[in-house]
Amino acid sequence: QLHLTTSEKNELARSLEMVQNQLQEKESEMKREISEHKDRLLQAEKEHQDTLTEANQKNKVEIEACHEKISSLEHFISSQKLEIEHLKSNKEQLNNSLKEANQALGELLKTKVR
């Protein structure tokens, strides 16, 4: 009976050791898989961040170009407004000169007719 019990105990100890070894292998495999997943996740996050940074930089450049274009157009509009005002002023002066010339011509014609 003692021999049988000892034999069973040894068999159970071997089985327990095998199960513990399998569990250890499984744990090591899971830790390795978790580590790989973490590495892949970190890599994906880094790529995502790089893409965001690149897109933000590109957007900043485009926004700056748009601001410069707006500024240039505002300057152009301002200069065109000044030119329009200058042309209006010239037109008014020319109209006044023409009016005066026509009056002078009228006076000359009246004098000549007399």
Protein backbone atom coordinates (compact mmCIF):
# COMPACT_ATOMS: atom_id res chain seq x y z
CA GLN A 1 0.00 0.00 0.00
CA LEU A 2 2.82 2.40 0.94
CA HIS A 3 4.66 1.55 -2.26
CA LEU A 4 1.49 2.19 -4.28
CA THR A 5 0.84 5.49 -2.55
CA THR A 6 4.45 6.58 -3.03
CA SER A 7 4.25 5.63 -6.68
CA GLU A 8 1.01 7.62 -7.08
CA LYS A 9 2.59 10.55 -5.27
CA ASN A 10 5.58 10.48 -7.63
CA GLU A 11 3.28 10.22 -10.63
CA LEU A 12 1.23 13.19 -9.36
CA ALA A 13 4.43 15.17 -8.71
CA ARG A 14 5.59 14.48 -12.29
CA SER A 15 2.16 15.48 -13.62
CA LEU A 16 2.21 18.63 -11.49
CA GLU A 17 5.69 19.49 -12.73
CA MET A 18 4.58 18.93 -16.35
CA VAL A 19 1.52 21.15 -15.84
CA GLN A 20 3.69 23.82 -14.15
CA ASN A 21 6.17 23.65 -17.05
CA GLN A 22 3.35 23.96 -19.57
CA LEU A 23 1.92 26.91 -17.64
CA GLN A 24 5.35 28.55 -17.53
CA GLU A 25 5.78 28.04 -21.27
CA LYS A 26 2.29 29.41 -21.89
CA GLU A 27 3.01 32.41 -19.62
CA SER A 28 6.30 33.08 -21.42
CA GLU A 29 4.55 32.83 -24.80
CA MET A 30 1.79 35.20 -23.66
CA LYS A 31 4.34 37.68 -22.29
CA ARG A 32 6.21 37.55 -25.60
CA GLU A 33 2.95 38.11 -27.54
CA ILE A 34 1.97 41.00 -25.23
CA SER A 35 5.41 42.53 -25.74
CA GLU A 36 5.05 42.19 -29.54
CA HIS A 37 1.59 43.75 -29.43
CA LYS A 38 2.89 46.62 -27.31
CA ASP A 39 5.75 47.16 -29.75
CA ARG A 40 3.34 47.17 -32.70
CA LEU A 41 1.01 49.55 -30.85
CA LEU A 42 3.89 51.92 -30.03
CA GLN A 43 5.05 51.79 -33.65
CA ALA A 44 1.51 52.51 -34.89
CA GLU A 45 1.16 55.40 -32.42
CA LYS A 46 4.51 56.81 -33.53
CA GLU A 47 3.53 56.57 -37.20
CA HIS A 48 0.18 58.19 -36.40
CA GLN A 49 1.89 61.01 -34.50
CA ASP A 50 4.40 61.50 -37.32
CA THR A 51 1.56 61.67 -39.84
CA LEU A 52 -0.30 64.19 -37.67
CA THR A 53 2.84 66.29 -37.22
CA GLU A 54 3.50 66.24 -40.96
CA ALA A 55 -0.13 67.16 -41.75
CA ASN A 56 -0.06 69.97 -39.18
CA GLN A 57 3.17 71.34 -40.63
CA LYS A 58 1.75 71.18 -44.15
CA ASN A 59 -1.41 72.95 -42.95
CA LYS A 60 0.64 75.66 -41.24
CA VAL A 61 2.57 76.26 -44.47
CA GLU A 62 -0.66 76.40 -46.49
CA ILE A 63 -2.30 78.73 -43.96
CA GLU A 64 0.74 81.03 -44.02
CA ALA A 65 0.64 81.06 -47.83
CA CYS A 66 -3.07 81.94 -47.69
CA HIS A 67 -2.40 84.75 -45.20
CA GLU A 68 0.31 86.12 -47.47
CA LYS A 69 -2.00 85.92 -50.47
CA ILE A 70 -4.79 87.67 -48.54
CA SER A 71 -2.36 90.37 -47.44
CA SER A 72 -1.15 90.80 -51.00
CA LEU A 73 -4.72 91.02 -52.30
CA GLU A 74 -5.66 93.53 -49.59
CA HIS A 75 -2.66 95.65 -50.57
CA PHE A 76 -3.63 95.38 -54.24
CA ILE A 77 -7.25 96.37 -53.46
CA SER A 78 -6.03 99.31 -51.40
CA SER A 79 -3.78 100.52 -54.22
CA GLN A 80 -6.62 100.09 -56.71
CA LYS A 81 -8.93 102.17 -54.49
CA LEU A 82 -6.29 104.90 -54.34
CA GLU A 83 -5.91 104.73 -58.12
CA ILE A 84 -9.71 105.01 -58.54
CA GLU A 85 -9.80 108.04 -56.25
CA HIS A 86 -6.92 109.59 -58.19
CA LEU A 87 -8.68 108.95 -61.50
CA LYS A 88 -11.94 110.41 -60.14
CA SER A 89 -10.08 113.51 -59.03
CA ASN A 90 -8.40 113.83 -62.46
CA LYS A 91 -11.76 113.36 -64.18
CA GLU A 92 -13.30 116.11 -62.04
CA GLN A 93 -10.40 118.44 -62.82
CA LEU A 94 -10.68 117.66 -66.52
CA ASN A 95 -14.45 118.25 -66.43
CA ASN A 96 -13.91 121.59 -64.70
CA SER A 97 -11.22 122.55 -67.22
CA LEU A 98 -13.51 121.52 -70.08
CA LYS A 99 -16.36 123.55 -68.59
CA GLU A 100 -14.07 126.58 -68.26
CA ALA A 101 -12.77 126.10 -71.80
CA ASN A 102 -16.32 125.82 -73.13
CA GLN A 103 -17.31 129.00 -71.25
CA ALA A 104 -14.26 130.81 -72.59
CA LEU A 105 -15.05 129.56 -76.07
CA GLY A 106 -18.63 130.75 -75.65
CA GLU A 107 -17.42 134.15 -74.57
CA LEU A 108 -15.02 134.31 -77.50
CA LEU A 109 -17.76 133.32 -79.90
CA LYS A 110 -20.07 136.02 -78.43
CA THR A 111 -17.29 138.59 -78.76
CA LYS A 112 -16.53 137.52 -82.31
CA VAL A 113 -20.21 137.62 -83.28
CA ARG A 114 -20.55 141.24 -81.99
